[in-house]
Amino acid sequence: MSVYRVTEIIGTSETSWEDAAKEALATASRTLRDLRIAEVVEQDLAIGADGQITAFRIKLRLSFKYEIPWAAPA
């Protein structure tokens, strides 16, 4: 039997939503193991005073395998 945990993360990029997602996943993968699924929950844009896009933001819902800590009773 496997148990999976779900958490949300937000990535940003000055160039695209794809780059924002890649950056978010790269950062998350440094501390989370066994990432399984990344679901796009929301995309939005930051717009500057001149009306130009200043940032692409993406919210991802990640699932990863839950591991019981060594010291915890089974």
PDB file of N, CA and C in Angstrom:
ATOM      1  N   MET A   1       0.843  -1.178   0.000  1.00  0.00           N
ATOM      2  CA  MET A   1       0.000   0.000   0.000  1.00  0.00           C
ATOM      3  C   MET A   1       0.888   1.240   0.000  1.00  0.00           C
ATOM      4  N   SER A   2       0.490   2.237  -0.756  1.00  0.00           N
ATOM      5  CA  SER A   2       1.217   3.496  -0.801  1.00  0.00           C
ATOM      6  C   SER A   2       0.301   4.636  -0.383  1.00  0.00           C
ATOM      7  N   VAL A   3       0.902   5.636   0.225  1.00  0.00           N
ATOM      8  CA  VAL A   3       0.177   6.840   0.610  1.00  0.00           C
ATOM      9  C   VAL A   3       0.911   8.023  -0.018  1.00  0.00           C
ATOM     10  N   TYR A   4       0.158   8.953  -0.561  1.00  0.00           N
ATOM     11  CA  TYR A   4       0.745  10.110  -1.210  1.00  0.00           C
ATOM     12  C   TYR A   4       0.271  11.389  -0.530  1.00  0.00           C
ATOM     13  N   ARG A   5       1.151  12.334  -0.429  1.00  0.00           N
ATOM     14  CA  ARG A   5       0.839  13.645   0.132  1.00  0.00           C
ATOM     15  C   ARG A   5       0.709  14.623  -1.025  1.00  0.00           C
ATOM     16  N   VAL A   6      -0.134  15.636  -0.852  1.00  0.00           N
ATOM     17  CA  VAL A   6      -0.340  16.651  -1.876  1.00  0.00           C
ATOM     18  C   VAL A   6      -0.041  18.012  -1.262  1.00  0.00           C
ATOM     19  N   THR A   7       0.710  18.821  -1.990  1.00  0.00           N
ATOM     20  CA  THR A   7       1.038  20.172  -1.547  1.00  0.00           C
ATOM     21  C   THR A   7       0.996  21.110  -2.741  1.00  0.00           C
ATOM     22  N   GLU A   8       0.801  22.389  -2.492  1.00  0.00           N
ATOM     23  CA  GLU A   8       0.778  23.363  -3.574  1.00  0.00           C
ATOM     24  C   GLU A   8       2.031  24.232  -3.521  1.00  0.00           C
ATOM     25  N   ILE A   9       2.556  24.533  -4.704  1.00  0.00           N
ATOM     26  CA  ILE A   9       3.710  25.425  -4.823  1.00  0.00           C
ATOM     27  C   ILE A   9       3.414  26.446  -5.912  1.00  0.00           C
ATOM     28  N   ILE A  10       4.113  27.569  -5.870  1.00  0.00           N
ATOM     29  CA  ILE A  10       3.955  28.615  -6.880  1.00  0.00           C
ATOM     30  C   ILE A  10       5.325  28.940  -7.468  1.00  0.00           C
ATOM     31  N   GLY A  11       5.403  28.953  -8.785  1.00  0.00           N
ATOM     32  CA  GLY A  11       6.637  29.327  -9.472  1.00  0.00           C
ATOM     33  C   GLY A  11       6.418  30.601 -10.270  1.00  0.00           C
ATOM     34  N   THR A  12       7.493  31.353 -10.460  1.00  0.00           N
ATOM     35  CA  THR A  12       7.414  32.582 -11.255  1.00  0.00           C
ATOM     36  C   THR A  12       8.533  32.614 -12.293  1.00  0.00           C
ATOM     37  N   SER A  13       8.279  33.328 -13.359  1.00  0.00           N
ATOM     38  CA  SER A  13       9.274  33.496 -14.423  1.00  0.00           C
ATOM     39  C   SER A  13       8.990  34.797 -15.145  1.00  0.00           C
ATOM     40  N   GLU A  14      10.009  35.390 -15.691  1.00  0.00           N
ATOM     41  CA  GLU A  14       9.838  36.590 -16.506  1.00  0.00           C
ATOM     42  C   GLU A  14       9.554  36.245 -17.960  1.00  0.00           C
ATOM     43  N   THR A  15       9.668  34.957 -18.338  1.00  0.00           N
ATOM     44  CA  THR A  15       9.532  34.597 -19.752  1.00  0.00           C
ATOM     45  C   THR A  15       8.293  33.777 -20.101  1.00  0.00           C
ATOM     46  N   SER A  16       7.878  32.810 -19.248  1.00  0.00           N
ATOM     47  CA  SER A  16       6.728  31.972 -19.626  1.00  0.00           C
ATOM     48  C   SER A  16       6.207  31.163 -18.440  1.00  0.00           C
ATOM     49  N   TRP A  17       4.981  30.645 -18.607  1.00  0.00           N
ATOM     50  CA  TRP A  17       4.420  29.754 -17.581  1.00  0.00           C
ATOM     51  C   TRP A  17       5.203  28.441 -17.536  1.00  0.00           C
ATOM     52  N   GLU A  18       5.665  27.990 -18.696  1.00  0.00           N
ATOM     53  CA  GLU A  18       6.453  26.754 -18.729  1.00  0.00           C
ATOM     54  C   GLU A  18       7.732  26.899 -17.904  1.00  0.00           C
ATOM     55  N   ASP A  19       8.426  28.009 -18.068  1.00  0.00           N
ATOM     56  CA  ASP A  19       9.637  28.245 -17.272  1.00  0.00           C
ATOM     57  C   ASP A  19       9.309  28.371 -15.785  1.00  0.00           C
ATOM     58  N   ALA A  20       8.173  28.991 -15.476  1.00  0.00           N
ATOM     59  CA  ALA A  20       7.753  29.118 -14.073  1.00  0.00           C
ATOM     60  C   ALA A  20       7.524  27.734 -13.469  1.00  0.00           C
ATOM     61  N   ALA A  21       6.887  26.842 -14.226  1.00  0.00           N
ATOM     62  CA  ALA A  21       6.639  25.478 -13.744  1.00  0.00           C
ATOM     63  C   ALA A  21       7.951  24.714 -13.580  1.00  0.00           C
ATOM     64  N   LYS A  22       8.855  24.840 -14.543  1.00  0.00           N
ATOM     65  CA  LYS A  22      10.149  24.154 -14.461  1.00  0.00           C
ATOM     66  C   LYS A  22      10.938  24.608 -13.236  1.00  0.00           C
ATOM     67  N   GLU A  23      10.936  25.909 -12.975  1.00  0.00           N
ATOM     68  CA  GLU A  23      11.658  26.451 -11.823  1.00  0.00           C
ATOM     69  C   GLU A  23      11.043  25.954 -10.511  1.00  0.00           C
ATOM     70  N   ALA A  24       9.730  25.951 -10.441  1.00  0.00           N
ATOM     71  CA  ALA A  24       9.047  25.473  -9.232  1.00  0.00           C
ATOM     72  C   ALA A  24       9.361  24.002  -8.976  1.00  0.00           C
ATOM     73  N   LEU A  25       9.320  23.184 -10.018  1.00  0.00           N
ATOM     74  CA  LEU A  25       9.606  21.753  -9.864  1.00  0.00           C
ATOM     75  C   LEU A  25      11.071  21.505  -9.516  1.00  0.00           C
ATOM     76  N   ALA A  26      11.973  22.249 -10.123  1.00  0.00           N
ATOM     77  CA  ALA A  26      13.395  22.089  -9.824  1.00  0.00           C
ATOM     78  C   ALA A  26      13.671  22.410  -8.360  1.00  0.00           C
ATOM     79  N   THR A  27      13.033  23.469  -7.864  1.00  0.00           N
ATOM     80  CA  THR A  27      13.222  23.854  -6.467  1.00  0.00           C
ATOM     81  C   THR A  27      12.607  22.822  -5.533  1.00  0.00           C
ATOM     82  N   ALA A  28      11.389  22.381  -5.825  1.00  0.00           N
ATOM     83  CA  ALA A  28      10.710  21.401  -4.975  1.00  0.00           C
ATOM     84  C   ALA A  28      11.460  20.072  -4.937  1.00  0.00           C
ATOM     85  N   SER A  29      12.049  19.686  -6.064  1.00  0.00           N
ATOM     86  CA  SER A  29      12.725  18.389  -6.122  1.00  0.00           C
ATOM     87  C   SER A  29      13.993  18.341  -5.267  1.00  0.00           C
ATOM     88  N   ARG A  30      14.459  19.488  -4.805  1.00  0.00           N
ATOM     89  CA  ARG A  30      15.624  19.496  -3.906  1.00  0.00           C
ATOM     90  C   ARG A  30      15.293  18.943  -2.530  1.00  0.00           C
ATOM     91  N   THR A  31      14.033  19.071  -2.115  1.00  0.00           N
ATOM     92  CA  THR A  31      13.663  18.619  -0.763  1.00  0.00           C
ATOM     93  C   THR A  31      12.580  17.552  -0.751  1.00  0.00           C
ATOM     94  N   LEU A  32      11.894  17.335  -1.848  1.00  0.00           N
ATOM     95  CA  LEU A  32      10.841  16.322  -1.910  1.00  0.00           C
ATOM     96  C   LEU A  32      11.296  15.173  -2.800  1.00  0.00           C
ATOM     97  N   ARG A  33      11.093  13.954  -2.317  1.00  0.00           N
ATOM     98  CA  ARG A  33      11.454  12.770  -3.102  1.00  0.00           C
ATOM     99  C   ARG A  33      10.207  12.111  -3.663  1.00  0.00           C
ATOM    100  N   ASP A  34      10.397  11.343  -4.687  1.00  0.00           N
ATOM    101  CA  ASP A  34       9.328  10.567  -5.309  1.00  0.00           C
ATOM    102  C   ASP A  34       8.156  11.426  -5.762  1.00  0.00           C
ATOM    103  N   LEU A  35       8.475  12.562  -6.422  1.00  0.00           N
ATOM    104  CA  LEU A  35       7.407  13.377  -7.002  1.00  0.00           C
ATOM    105  C   LEU A  35       6.694  12.551  -8.060  1.00  0.00           C
ATOM    106  N   ARG A  36       5.364  12.575  -8.045  1.00  0.00           N
ATOM    107  CA  ARG A  36       4.593  11.734  -8.962  1.00  0.00           C
ATOM    108  C   ARG A  36       3.817  12.537 -10.002  1.00  0.00           C
ATOM    109  N   ILE A  37       3.067  13.522  -9.542  1.00  0.00           N
ATOM    110  CA  ILE A  37       2.177  14.261 -10.422  1.00  0.00           C
ATOM    111  C   ILE A  37       2.299  15.753 -10.120  1.00  0.00           C
ATOM    112  N   ALA A  38       2.295  16.573 -11.163  1.00  0.00           N
ATOM    113  CA  ALA A  38       2.200  18.022 -11.008  1.00  0.00           C
ATOM    114  C   ALA A  38       0.973  18.465 -11.796  1.00  0.00           C
ATOM    115  N   GLU A  39       0.001  18.988 -11.097  1.00  0.00           N
ATOM    116  CA  GLU A  39      -1.245  19.438 -11.712  1.00  0.00           C
ATOM    117  C   GLU A  39      -1.272  20.969 -11.704  1.00  0.00           C
ATOM    118  N   VAL A  40      -1.525  21.575 -12.863  1.00  0.00           N
ATOM    119  CA  VAL A  40      -1.635  23.027 -12.932  1.00  0.00           C
ATOM    120  C   VAL A  40      -2.983  23.423 -12.330  1.00  0.00           C
ATOM    121  N   VAL A  41      -2.922  24.230 -11.268  1.00  0.00           N
ATOM    122  CA  VAL A  41      -4.125  24.667 -10.580  1.00  0.00           C
ATOM    123  C   VAL A  41      -4.551  26.047 -11.072  1.00  0.00           C
ATOM    124  N   GLU A  42      -3.580  26.919 -11.295  1.00  0.00           N
ATOM    125  CA  GLU A  42      -3.890  28.298 -11.654  1.00  0.00           C
ATOM    126  C   GLU A  42      -2.702  28.928 -12.372  1.00  0.00           C
ATOM    127  N   GLN A  43      -2.996  29.804 -13.311  1.00  0.00           N
ATOM    128  CA  GLN A  43      -1.973  30.600 -13.988  1.00  0.00           C
ATOM    129  C   GLN A  43      -2.414  32.054 -13.930  1.00  0.00           C
ATOM    130  N   ASP A  44      -1.460  32.945 -13.671  1.00  0.00           N
ATOM    131  CA  ASP A  44      -1.779  34.365 -13.727  1.00  0.00           C
ATOM    132  C   ASP A  44      -0.561  35.155 -14.155  1.00  0.00           C
ATOM    133  N   LEU A  45      -0.776  36.432 -14.388  1.00  0.00           N
ATOM    134  CA  LEU A  45       0.273  37.330 -14.861  1.00  0.00           C
ATOM    135  C   LEU A  45       0.398  38.511 -13.923  1.00  0.00           C
ATOM    136  N   ALA A  46       1.613  38.975 -13.724  1.00  0.00           N
ATOM    137  CA  ALA A  46       1.834  40.252 -13.048  1.00  0.00           C
ATOM    138  C   ALA A  46       2.038  41.289 -14.146  1.00  0.00           C
ATOM    139  N   ILE A  47       1.357  42.417 -14.010  1.00  0.00           N
ATOM    140  CA  ILE A  47       1.403  43.446 -15.045  1.00  0.00           C
ATOM    141  C   ILE A  47       1.974  44.725 -14.445  1.00  0.00           C
ATOM    142  N   GLY A  48       2.956  45.309 -15.129  1.00  0.00           N
ATOM    143  CA  GLY A  48       3.597  46.532 -14.659  1.00  0.00           C
ATOM    144  C   GLY A  48       2.757  47.773 -14.940  1.00  0.00           C
ATOM    145  N   ALA A  49       3.236  48.911 -14.449  1.00  0.00           N
ATOM    146  CA  ALA A  49       2.536  50.188 -14.612  1.00  0.00           C
ATOM    147  C   ALA A  49       2.365  50.566 -16.077  1.00  0.00           C
ATOM    148  N   ASP A  50       3.281  50.078 -16.933  1.00  0.00           N
ATOM    149  CA  ASP A  50       3.198  50.386 -18.366  1.00  0.00           C
ATOM    150  C   ASP A  50       2.288  49.433 -19.133  1.00  0.00           C
ATOM    151  N   GLY A  51       1.644  48.504 -18.415  1.00  0.00           N
ATOM    152  CA  GLY A  51       0.736  47.556 -19.045  1.00  0.00           C
ATOM    153  C   GLY A  51       1.409  46.325 -19.607  1.00  0.00           C
ATOM    154  N   GLN A  52       2.707  46.190 -19.438  1.00  0.00           N
ATOM    155  CA  GLN A  52       3.461  45.044 -19.946  1.00  0.00           C
ATOM    156  C   GLN A  52       3.511  43.928 -18.894  1.00  0.00           C
ATOM    157  N   ILE A  53       3.631  42.710 -19.362  1.00  0.00           N
ATOM    158  CA  ILE A  53       3.754  41.563 -18.462  1.00  0.00           C
ATOM    159  C   ILE A  53       5.126  41.612 -17.786  1.00  0.00           C
ATOM    160  N   THR A  54       5.119  41.536 -16.465  1.00  0.00           N
ATOM    161  CA  THR A  54       6.385  41.538 -15.729  1.00  0.00           C
ATOM    162  C   THR A  54       6.723  40.169 -15.169  1.00  0.00           C
ATOM    163  N   ALA A  55       5.710  39.287 -15.012  1.00  0.00           N
ATOM    164  CA  ALA A  55       5.979  37.943 -14.502  1.00  0.00           C
ATOM    165  C   ALA A  55       4.831  37.005 -14.851  1.00  0.00           C
ATOM    166  N   PHE A  56       5.206  35.775 -15.138  1.00  0.00           N
ATOM    167  CA  PHE A  56       4.258  34.676 -15.320  1.00  0.00           C
ATOM    168  C   PHE A  56       4.279  33.881 -14.016  1.00  0.00           C
ATOM    169  N   ARG A  57       3.101  33.604 -13.465  1.00  0.00           N
ATOM    170  CA  ARG A  57       3.042  32.830 -12.226  1.00  0.00           C
ATOM    171  C   ARG A  57       2.168  31.607 -12.456  1.00  0.00           C
ATOM    172  N   ILE A  58       2.595  30.495 -11.863  1.00  0.00           N
ATOM    173  CA  ILE A  58       1.841  29.253 -12.004  1.00  0.00           C
ATOM    174  C   ILE A  58       1.760  28.567 -10.647  1.00  0.00           C
ATOM    175  N   LYS A  59       0.574  28.103 -10.309  1.00  0.00           N
ATOM    176  CA  LYS A  59       0.378  27.347  -9.065  1.00  0.00           C
ATOM    177  C   LYS A  59       0.228  25.880  -9.448  1.00  0.00           C
ATOM    178  N   LEU A  60       1.049  25.038  -8.831  1.00  0.00           N
ATOM    179  CA  LEU A  60       1.035  23.601  -9.092  1.00  0.00           C
ATOM    180  C   LEU A  60       0.633  22.849  -7.841  1.00  0.00           C
ATOM    181  N   ARG A  61      -0.134  21.796  -8.027  1.00  0.00           N
ATOM    182  CA  ARG A  61      -0.437  20.866  -6.943  1.00  0.00           C
ATOM    183  C   ARG A  61       0.428  19.633  -7.197  1.00  0.00           C
ATOM    184  N   LEU A  62       1.341  19.359  -6.270  1.00  0.00           N
ATOM    185  CA  LEU A  62       2.273  18.234  -6.391  1.00  0.00           C
ATOM    186  C   LEU A  62       1.853  17.082  -5.513  1.00  0.00           C
ATOM    187  N   SER A  63       2.019  15.881  -6.020  1.00  0.00           N
ATOM    188  CA  SER A  63       1.842  14.713  -5.156  1.00  0.00           C
ATOM    189  C   SER A  63       3.163  13.964  -5.105  1.00  0.00           C
ATOM    190  N   PHE A  64       3.461  13.460  -3.920  1.00  0.00           N
ATOM    191  CA  PHE A  64       4.679  12.702  -3.722  1.00  0.00           C
ATOM    192  C   PHE A  64       4.427  11.627  -2.687  1.00  0.00           C
ATOM    193  N   LYS A  65       5.221  10.571  -2.762  1.00  0.00           N
ATOM    194  CA  LYS A  65       5.037   9.427  -1.881  1.00  0.00           C
ATOM    195  C   LYS A  65       5.355   9.814  -0.444  1.00  0.00           C
ATOM    196  N   TYR A  66       4.462   9.494   0.458  1.00  0.00           N
ATOM    197  CA  TYR A  66       4.632   9.798   1.876  1.00  0.00           C
ATOM    198  C   TYR A  66       5.490   8.712   2.506  1.00  0.00           C
ATOM    199  N   GLU A  67       6.506   9.128   3.255  1.00  0.00           N
ATOM    200  CA  GLU A  67       7.388   8.187   3.941  1.00  0.00           C
ATOM    201  C   GLU A  67       7.230   8.364   5.449  1.00  0.00           C
ATOM    202  N   ILE A  68       7.115   7.267   6.149  1.00  0.00           N
ATOM    203  CA  ILE A  68       7.021   7.311   7.596  1.00  0.00           C
ATOM    204  C   ILE A  68       8.418   7.526   8.153  1.00  0.00           C
ATOM    205  N   PRO A  69       8.603   8.508   9.056  1.00  0.00           N
ATOM    206  CA  PRO A  69       9.926   8.732   9.646  1.00  0.00           C
ATOM    207  C   PRO A  69      10.453   7.471  10.356  1.00  0.00           C
ATOM    208  N   TRP A  70      11.761   7.294  10.351  1.00  0.00           N
ATOM    209  CA  TRP A  70      12.374   6.113  10.954  1.00  0.00           C
ATOM    210  C   TRP A  70      11.988   5.929  12.401  1.00  0.00           C
ATOM    211  N   ALA A  71      11.903   7.022  13.159  1.00  0.00           N
ATOM    212  CA  ALA A  71      11.651   6.927  14.596  1.00  0.00           C
ATOM    213  C   ALA A  71      10.178   6.682  14.917  1.00  0.00           C
ATOM    214  N   ALA A  72       9.294   6.823  13.944  1.00  0.00           N
ATOM    215  CA  ALA A  72       7.860   6.671  14.204  1.00  0.00           C
ATOM    216  C   ALA A  72       7.505   5.188  14.291  1.00  0.00           C
ATOM    217  N   PRO A  73       6.596   4.839  15.199  1.00  0.00           N
ATOM    218  CA  PRO A  73       6.144   3.439  15.275  1.00  0.00           C
ATOM    219  C   PRO A  73       5.351   3.067  14.043  1.00  0.00           C
ATOM    220  N   ALA A  74       5.459   1.849  13.608  1.00  0.00           N
ATOM    221  CA  ALA A  74       4.752   1.385  12.406  1.00  0.00           C
ATOM    222  C   ALA A  74       3.311   1.056  12.706  1.00  0.00           C
TER     223      ALA A  74
END
